[in-house]
C-alpha atoms as a PDB file:
ATOM      1  CA  MET A   1     -22.297  63.476   7.411  1.00  0.00           C
ATOM      2  CA  SER A   2     -22.757  61.106   4.553  1.00  0.00           C
ATOM      3  CA  LYS A   3     -26.258  60.715   3.014  1.00  0.00           C
ATOM      4  CA  ARG A   4     -28.183  57.939   4.812  1.00  0.00           C
ATOM      5  CA  ALA A   5     -30.882  55.622   3.782  1.00  0.00           C
ATOM      6  CA  VAL A   6     -33.166  52.990   5.499  1.00  0.00           C
ATOM      7  CA  VAL A   7     -33.380  49.786   3.503  1.00  0.00           C
ATOM      8  CA  LEU A   8     -36.132  47.274   3.959  1.00  0.00           C
ATOM      9  CA  LEU A   9     -34.284  44.002   3.995  1.00  0.00           C
ATOM     10  CA  SER A  10     -36.184  40.680   3.960  1.00  0.00           C
ATOM     11  CA  GLY A  11     -33.236  38.606   3.054  1.00  0.00           C
ATOM     12  CA  GLY A  12     -34.714  37.763  -0.270  1.00  0.00           C
ATOM     13  CA  LEU A  13     -33.456  38.235  -3.848  1.00  0.00           C
ATOM     14  CA  ASP A  14     -35.135  41.580  -4.442  1.00  0.00           C
ATOM     15  CA  SER A  15     -34.254  43.257  -1.180  1.00  0.00           C
ATOM     16  CA  ALA A  16     -30.599  42.105  -1.461  1.00  0.00           C
ATOM     17  CA  THR A  17     -30.393  43.708  -4.895  1.00  0.00           C
ATOM     18  CA  VAL A  18     -31.902  46.924  -3.549  1.00  0.00           C
ATOM     19  CA  LEU A  19     -29.350  47.219  -0.680  1.00  0.00           C
ATOM     20  CA  ALA A  20     -26.633  46.788  -3.285  1.00  0.00           C
ATOM     21  CA  ILE A  21     -28.097  49.543  -5.439  1.00  0.00           C
ATOM     22  CA  ALA A  22     -28.455  51.864  -2.472  1.00  0.00           C
ATOM     23  CA  ARG A  23     -24.757  51.336  -1.622  1.00  0.00           C
ATOM     24  CA  THR A  24     -23.782  51.937  -5.166  1.00  0.00           C
ATOM     25  CA  GLN A  25     -25.757  55.179  -5.177  1.00  0.00           C
ATOM     26  CA  GLY A  26     -23.654  56.494  -2.406  1.00  0.00           C
ATOM     27  CA  PHE A  27     -25.941  55.948   0.649  1.00  0.00           C
ATOM     28  CA  GLU A  28     -24.759  54.771   4.071  1.00  0.00           C
ATOM     29  CA  CYS A  29     -27.381  51.967   4.545  1.00  0.00           C
ATOM     30  CA  PHE A  30     -29.269  51.063   7.674  1.00  0.00           C
ATOM     31  CA  ALA A  31     -31.007  47.805   6.960  1.00  0.00           C
ATOM     32  CA  LEU A  32     -34.371  46.936   8.751  1.00  0.00           C
ATOM     33  CA  SER A  33     -35.900  43.557   8.821  1.00  0.00           C
ATOM     34  CA  PHE A  34     -39.069  42.220  10.633  1.00  0.00           C
ATOM     35  CA  ARG A  35     -40.004  39.306  12.722  1.00  0.00           C
ATOM     36  CA  TYR A  36     -43.799  39.457  12.192  1.00  0.00           C
ATOM     37  CA  GLY A  37     -44.969  35.955  12.841  1.00  0.00           C
ATOM     38  CA  GLN A  38     -44.074  34.710   9.339  1.00  0.00           C
ATOM     39  CA  ARG A  39     -43.823  31.116   8.740  1.00  0.00           C
ATOM     40  CA  HIS A  40     -40.551  31.653   6.707  1.00  0.00           C
ATOM     41  CA  VAL A  41     -38.756  33.276   9.535  1.00  0.00           C
ATOM     42  CA  VAL A  42     -35.505  31.729   8.422  1.00  0.00           C
ATOM     43  CA  GLU A  43     -35.434  34.699   5.997  1.00  0.00           C
ATOM     44  CA  LEU A  44     -34.086  36.755   8.948  1.00  0.00           C
ATOM     45  CA  ASP A  45     -30.927  34.476   9.003  1.00  0.00           C
ATOM     46  CA  ALA A  46     -30.569  35.340   5.204  1.00  0.00           C
ATOM     47  CA  ALA A  47     -31.218  39.102   5.982  1.00  0.00           C
ATOM     48  CA  ALA A  48     -28.327  39.023   8.489  1.00  0.00           C
ATOM     49  CA  ARG A  49     -26.001  37.362   5.994  1.00  0.00           C
ATOM     50  CA  VAL A  50     -27.006  39.852   3.251  1.00  0.00           C
ATOM     51  CA  ALA A  51     -26.464  42.895   5.600  1.00  0.00           C
ATOM     52  CA  ALA A  52     -22.978  41.801   6.547  1.00  0.00           C
ATOM     53  CA  ALA A  53     -22.032  40.886   3.007  1.00  0.00           C
ATOM     54  CA  LEU A  54     -23.159  44.111   1.328  1.00  0.00           C
ATOM     55  CA  GLY A  55     -21.885  46.500   4.020  1.00  0.00           C
ATOM     56  CA  ALA A  56     -24.858  47.857   5.804  1.00  0.00           C
ATOM     57  CA  ARG A  57     -23.939  50.274   8.495  1.00  0.00           C
ATOM     58  CA  GLU A  58     -26.305  48.661  10.873  1.00  0.00           C
ATOM     59  CA  HIS A  59     -28.937  45.933  10.679  1.00  0.00           C
ATOM     60  CA  ARG A  60     -31.884  45.752  13.092  1.00  0.00           C
ATOM     61  CA  ILE A  61     -34.836  43.381  13.363  1.00  0.00           C
ATOM     62  CA  ALA A  62     -38.123  44.956  14.509  1.00  0.00           C
ATOM     63  CA  HIS A  63     -40.708  42.706  16.116  1.00  0.00           C
ATOM     64  CA  VAL A  64     -44.253  43.341  14.834  1.00  0.00           C
ATOM     65  CA  ASP A  65     -46.830  40.590  15.572  1.00  0.00           C
ATOM     66  CA  LEU A  66     -48.988  40.163  12.600  1.00  0.00           C
ATOM     67  CA  GLY A  67     -49.915  36.599  13.542  1.00  0.00           C
ATOM     68  CA  TRP A  68     -52.956  37.646  15.604  1.00  0.00           C
ATOM     69  CA  ILE A  69     -54.440  39.399  12.673  1.00  0.00           C
ATOM     70  CA  GLY A  70     -54.158  36.349  10.435  1.00  0.00           C
ATOM     71  CA  GLY A  71     -55.845  36.454   7.002  1.00  0.00           C
ATOM     72  CA  SER A  72     -52.544  35.350   5.139  1.00  0.00           C
ATOM     73  CA  ALA A  73     -50.937  32.077   4.392  1.00  0.00           C
ATOM     74  CA  LEU A  74     -47.611  33.564   5.760  1.00  0.00           C
ATOM     75  CA  THR A  75     -48.935  34.421   9.176  1.00  0.00           C
ATOM     76  CA  ALA A  76     -51.921  31.910   9.776  1.00  0.00           C
ATOM     77  CA  ASP A  77     -52.589  28.170   9.481  1.00  0.00           C
ATOM     78  CA  ILE A  78     -53.530  28.471   5.808  1.00  0.00           C
ATOM     79  CA  ALA A  79     -51.873  26.502   3.111  1.00  0.00           C
ATOM     80  CA  VAL A  80     -49.363  28.218   0.960  1.00  0.00           C
ATOM     81  CA  PRO A  81     -50.492  27.932  -2.891  1.00  0.00           C
ATOM     82  CA  LYS A  82     -48.278  25.692  -4.855  1.00  0.00           C
ATOM     83  CA  ASP A  83     -47.548  25.175  -8.533  1.00  0.00           C
ATOM     84  CA  ARG A  84     -49.619  28.134  -9.792  1.00  0.00           C
ATOM     85  CA  PRO A  85     -49.108  29.275 -13.371  1.00  0.00           C
ATOM     86  CA  LEU A  86     -47.004  32.372 -13.617  1.00  0.00           C
ATOM     87  CA  GLU A  87     -49.544  34.243 -15.683  1.00  0.00           C
ATOM     88  CA  LYS A  88     -52.154  33.803 -12.847  1.00  0.00           C
ATOM     89  CA  MET A  89     -49.983  35.322 -10.192  1.00  0.00           C
ATOM     90  CA  SER A  90     -50.549  38.889 -11.284  1.00  0.00           C
ATOM     91  CA  ALA A  91     -54.227  38.375 -12.085  1.00  0.00           C
ATOM     92  CA  GLU A  92     -55.453  38.156  -8.482  1.00  0.00           C
ATOM     93  CA  ILE A  93     -54.416  39.123  -4.975  1.00  0.00           C
ATOM     94  CA  PRO A  94     -53.177  35.760  -3.553  1.00  0.00           C
ATOM     95  CA  ILE A  95     -53.673  34.288  -0.059  1.00  0.00           C
ATOM     96  CA  THR A  96     -49.917  35.138   0.755  1.00  0.00           C
ATOM     97  CA  TYR A  97     -50.752  38.746   0.763  1.00  0.00           C
ATOM     98  CA  VAL A  98     -50.313  40.087   4.420  1.00  0.00           C
ATOM     99  CA  PRO A  99     -52.699  42.836   5.183  1.00  0.00           C
ATOM    100  CA  ALA A 100     -51.106  46.233   5.198  1.00  0.00           C
ATOM    101  CA  ARG A 101     -47.707  44.752   5.603  1.00  0.00           C
ATOM    102  CA  ASN A 102     -45.717  47.065   3.418  1.00  0.00           C
ATOM    103  CA  ALA A 103     -47.574  50.108   4.892  1.00  0.00           C
ATOM    104  CA  LEU A 104     -46.576  48.944   8.371  1.00  0.00           C
ATOM    105  CA  PHE A 105     -42.950  48.194   7.415  1.00  0.00           C
ATOM    106  CA  LEU A 106     -42.539  51.580   5.630  1.00  0.00           C
ATOM    107  CA  CYS A 107     -43.960  53.361   8.751  1.00  0.00           C
ATOM    108  CA  TYR A 108     -41.290  51.762  10.919  1.00  0.00           C
ATOM    109  CA  ALA A 109     -38.586  52.724   8.190  1.00  0.00           C
ATOM    110  CA  LEU A 110     -40.005  56.227   8.303  1.00  0.00           C
ATOM    111  CA  ALA A 111     -39.772  56.491  12.089  1.00  0.00           C
ATOM    112  CA  TRP A 112     -36.128  55.148  12.206  1.00  0.00           C
ATOM    113  CA  GLY A 113     -35.311  57.355   9.222  1.00  0.00           C
ATOM    114  CA  GLU A 114     -36.351  60.481  11.168  1.00  0.00           C
ATOM    115  CA  VAL A 115     -34.143  59.617  14.032  1.00  0.00           C
ATOM    116  CA  LEU A 116     -31.161  58.857  11.721  1.00  0.00           C
ATOM    117  CA  GLY A 117     -31.694  61.916   9.580  1.00  0.00           C
ATOM    118  CA  ALA A 118     -32.314  59.512   6.651  1.00  0.00           C
ATOM    119  CA  HIS A 119     -35.018  60.807   4.311  1.00  0.00           C
ATOM    120  CA  ASP A 120     -34.521  58.100   1.670  1.00  0.00           C
ATOM    121  CA  LEU A 121     -36.306  54.809   2.149  1.00  0.00           C
ATOM    122  CA  TYR A 122     -35.396  51.870  -0.090  1.00  0.00           C
ATOM    123  CA  ALA A 123     -37.710  49.000  -0.647  1.00  0.00           C
ATOM    124  CA  GLY A 124     -37.916  46.083  -3.143  1.00  0.00           C
ATOM    125  CA  MET A 125     -41.403  46.514  -4.537  1.00  0.00           C
ATOM    126  CA  ASN A 126     -41.768  45.387  -8.170  1.00  0.00           C
ATOM    127  CA  ALA A 127     -44.720  46.060 -10.372  1.00  0.00           C
ATOM    128  CA  LEU A 128     -44.019  43.329 -12.962  1.00  0.00           C
ATOM    129  CA  ASP A 129     -43.259  40.158 -11.035  1.00  0.00           C
ATOM    130  CA  TYR A 130     -45.228  41.252  -7.839  1.00  0.00           C
ATOM    131  CA  SER A 131     -47.513  38.345  -7.387  1.00  0.00           C
ATOM    132  CA  GLY A 132     -50.536  40.507  -7.388  1.00  0.00           C
ATOM    133  CA  TYR A 133     -49.859  42.445  -4.189  1.00  0.00           C
ATOM    134  CA  PRO A 134     -51.469  45.830  -4.228  1.00  0.00           C
ATOM    135  CA  ASP A 135     -48.928  47.464  -1.917  1.00  0.00           C
ATOM    136  CA  CYS A 136     -46.235  46.907  -4.454  1.00  0.00           C
ATOM    137  CA  ARG A 137     -47.661  49.313  -7.003  1.00  0.00           C
ATOM    138  CA  PRO A 138     -46.057  52.721  -7.711  1.00  0.00           C
ATOM    139  CA  GLU A 139     -49.394  54.472  -6.729  1.00  0.00           C
ATOM    140  CA  PHE A 140     -49.010  53.089  -3.231  1.00  0.00           C
ATOM    141  CA  LEU A 141     -45.448  54.289  -2.862  1.00  0.00           C
ATOM    142  CA  GLN A 142     -46.383  57.760  -4.108  1.00  0.00           C
ATOM    143  CA  ALA A 143     -49.173  58.066  -1.696  1.00  0.00           C
ATOM    144  CA  PHE A 144     -46.868  56.966   1.139  1.00  0.00           C
ATOM    145  CA  GLU A 145     -44.419  59.624   0.248  1.00  0.00           C
ATOM    146  CA  LYS A 146     -47.141  62.369   0.346  1.00  0.00           C
ATOM    147  CA  MET A 147     -48.232  61.016   3.823  1.00  0.00           C
ATOM    148  CA  ALA A 148     -44.691  61.028   5.150  1.00  0.00           C
ATOM    149  CA  ASP A 149     -44.284  64.724   4.016  1.00  0.00           C
ATOM    150  CA  ILE A 150     -47.396  65.658   5.765  1.00  0.00           C
ATOM    151  CA  GLY A 151     -47.195  63.604   8.931  1.00  0.00           C
ATOM    152  CA  THR A 152     -43.619  63.763  10.190  1.00  0.00           C
ATOM    153  CA  LYS A 153     -41.527  66.537  11.999  1.00  0.00           C
ATOM    154  CA  ALA A 154     -38.931  66.181   9.117  1.00  0.00           C
ATOM    155  CA  GLY A 155     -41.599  66.680   6.540  1.00  0.00           C
ATOM    156  CA  ALA A 156     -43.020  69.717   8.348  1.00  0.00           C
ATOM    157  CA  GLU A 157     -39.482  71.207   8.449  1.00  0.00           C
ATOM    158  CA  GLY A 158     -39.140  70.857   4.727  1.00  0.00           C
ATOM    159  CA  HIS A 159     -37.114  67.595   4.439  1.00  0.00           C
ATOM    160  CA  GLY A 160     -38.946  65.785   1.788  1.00  0.00           C
ATOM    161  CA  TRP A 161     -39.263  62.041   1.878  1.00  0.00           C
ATOM    162  CA  LYS A 162     -38.390  59.754  -0.976  1.00  0.00           C
ATOM    163  CA  VAL A 163     -39.488  56.065  -1.113  1.00  0.00           C
ATOM    164  CA  ARG A 164     -37.052  54.534  -3.645  1.00  0.00           C
ATOM    165  CA  ALA A 165     -38.085  51.365  -5.342  1.00  0.00           C
ATOM    166  CA  PRO A 166     -35.347  50.795  -7.992  1.00  0.00           C
ATOM    167  CA  LEU A 167     -36.831  47.460  -9.063  1.00  0.00           C
ATOM    168  CA  ILE A 168     -40.327  48.798  -9.668  1.00  0.00           C
ATOM    169  CA  ALA A 169     -40.258  48.377 -13.455  1.00  0.00           C
ATOM    170  CA  MET A 170     -37.782  45.386 -13.726  1.00  0.00           C
ATOM    171  CA  SER A 171     -38.473  41.815 -14.531  1.00  0.00           C
ATOM    172  CA  LYS A 172     -36.975  39.194 -12.152  1.00  0.00           C
ATOM    173  CA  ALA A 173     -34.315  38.339 -14.841  1.00  0.00           C
ATOM    174  CA  GLU A 174     -33.330  42.030 -15.025  1.00  0.00           C
ATOM    175  CA  ILE A 175     -33.159  42.272 -11.216  1.00  0.00           C
ATOM    176  CA  ILE A 176     -30.834  39.174 -11.050  1.00  0.00           C
ATOM    177  CA  LYS A 177     -28.595  40.508 -13.828  1.00  0.00           C
ATOM    178  CA  THR A 178     -28.320  43.903 -12.015  1.00  0.00           C
ATOM    179  CA  GLY A 179     -27.481  42.202  -8.754  1.00  0.00           C
ATOM    180  CA  ILE A 180     -24.824  40.128 -10.186  1.00  0.00           C
ATOM    181  CA  SER A 181     -23.317  43.173 -11.747  1.00  0.00           C
ATOM    182  CA  LEU A 182     -23.164  44.746  -8.207  1.00  0.00           C
ATOM    183  CA  GLY A 183     -21.616  41.692  -6.652  1.00  0.00           C
ATOM    184  CA  VAL A 184     -24.745  40.219  -4.985  1.00  0.00           C
ATOM    185  CA  ASP A 185     -24.279  36.535  -3.921  1.00  0.00           C
ATOM    186  CA  TYR A 186     -27.850  35.134  -4.328  1.00  0.00           C
ATOM    187  CA  GLY A 187     -26.704  31.884  -2.746  1.00  0.00           C
ATOM    188  CA  ILE A 188     -27.035  33.576   0.684  1.00  0.00           C
ATOM    189  CA  THR A 189     -30.545  34.879   0.079  1.00  0.00           C
ATOM    190  CA  HIS A 190     -33.856  33.253   0.875  1.00  0.00           C
ATOM    191  CA  SER A 191     -37.256  33.781  -1.031  1.00  0.00           C
ATOM    192  CA  CYS A 192     -39.345  30.651  -0.288  1.00  0.00           C
ATOM    193  CA  TYR A 193     -42.654  31.086   1.527  1.00  0.00           C
ATOM    194  CA  ASP A 194     -42.827  27.552   2.844  1.00  0.00           C
ATOM    195  CA  PRO A 195     -39.301  26.275   3.429  1.00  0.00           C
ATOM    196  CA  VAL A 196     -38.242  22.901   4.901  1.00  0.00           C
ATOM    197  CA  VAL A 197     -35.575  22.972   7.579  1.00  0.00           C
ATOM    198  CA  ALA A 198     -33.296  19.853   7.475  1.00  0.00           C
ATOM    199  CA  ASP A 199     -30.099  19.603   9.429  1.00  0.00           C
ATOM    200  CA  LYS A 200     -30.391  23.422  10.290  1.00  0.00           C
ATOM    201  CA  ILE A 201     -30.488  24.190   6.578  1.00  0.00           C
ATOM    202  CA  ALA A 202     -33.510  25.885   5.078  1.00  0.00           C
ATOM    203  CA  LEU A 203     -34.406  24.258   1.787  1.00  0.00           C
ATOM    204  CA  ALA A 204     -36.816  26.097  -0.634  1.00  0.00           C
ATOM    205  CA  CYS A 205     -39.898  24.279  -1.526  1.00  0.00           C
ATOM    206  CA  GLY A 206     -39.503  25.109  -5.294  1.00  0.00           C
ATOM    207  CA  ARG A 207     -43.312  25.315  -5.769  1.00  0.00           C
ATOM    208  CA  CYS A 208     -44.665  28.425  -3.994  1.00  0.00           C
ATOM    209  CA  ASP A 209     -45.201  31.677  -5.994  1.00  0.00           C
ATOM    210  CA  SER A 210     -41.953  33.189  -4.726  1.00  0.00           C
ATOM    211  CA  CYS A 211     -39.924  30.056  -5.625  1.00  0.00           C
ATOM    212  CA  LEU A 212     -41.467  29.916  -9.143  1.00  0.00           C
ATOM    213  CA  LEU A 213     -40.850  33.561  -9.881  1.00  0.00           C
ATOM    214  CA  ARG A 214     -37.341  33.192  -8.582  1.00  0.00           C
ATOM    215  CA  LYS A 215     -36.659  29.958 -10.624  1.00  0.00           C
ATOM    216  CA  GLN A 216     -37.955  31.612 -13.833  1.00  0.00           C
ATOM    217  CA  GLY A 217     -35.873  34.721 -13.264  1.00  0.00           C
ATOM    218  CA  PHE A 218     -32.718  32.736 -13.162  1.00  0.00           C
ATOM    219  CA  VAL A 219     -33.714  30.682 -16.219  1.00  0.00           C
ATOM    220  CA  THR A 220     -34.571  33.944 -18.286  1.00  0.00           C
ATOM    221  CA  ALA A 221     -31.365  35.616 -17.121  1.00  0.00           C
ATOM    222  CA  GLY A 222     -29.339  32.656 -18.142  1.00  0.00           C
ATOM    223  CA  VAL A 223     -27.717  32.468 -14.730  1.00  0.00           C
ATOM    224  CA  THR A 224     -27.230  29.313 -12.637  1.00  0.00           C
ATOM    225  CA  ASP A 225     -29.642  29.225  -9.751  1.00  0.00           C
ATOM    226  CA  PRO A 226     -27.739  28.813  -6.471  1.00  0.00           C
ATOM    227  CA  THR A 227     -30.907  28.090  -4.429  1.00  0.00           C
ATOM    228  CA  ARG A 228     -31.026  24.839  -2.349  1.00  0.00           C
ATOM    229  CA  TYR A 229     -34.377  23.272  -3.063  1.00  0.00           C
ATOM    230  CA  VAL A 230     -36.140  20.244  -1.326  1.00  0.00           C
END
């Protein structure tokens, strides 16, 4: 049996690149996305496009209702911050942080991985252009690995878990260059936190943190940005 991996796939620029990297590293990839009450649920359409384009063996969407928890501009009736300076983004934890989201998502990936016999979990966390999210840090991923080794049947039987975050030390421009070298079509991805849907087409706002980081990444990389903005 070929080596398998579960890849967290949001449909955004980072996760698309991670899926391409996992495939290049020889993994049979099982992509996992989430419908969690996010305002930018159109990202799931992008995730489906990316999974198909990059040859995921299977793509599943898990339903996890985080809307009742609230506390985030992505899941509650709270305005998404716009036009923030890039240098401010990593200086504080923004209101777009969703409480414990990455921990929950990785737990679902862990559970599916046990069933699949896939002990490698791929995720798009990034410690440079990470918008201040604490669950995108290397320390968090290392702690999750330890928990997985201790708290699962696979771990107890000696099958160590690896949370792979190949983008962790890359800038957005480096991520884009890597993805292009691996054949990623960023025109089918979606990153915007607050999109506008017009004629069934999701247009990026161009002003939220995610859009600004994405825009700057393409500029720095010297690559034409294929994103459709409002």
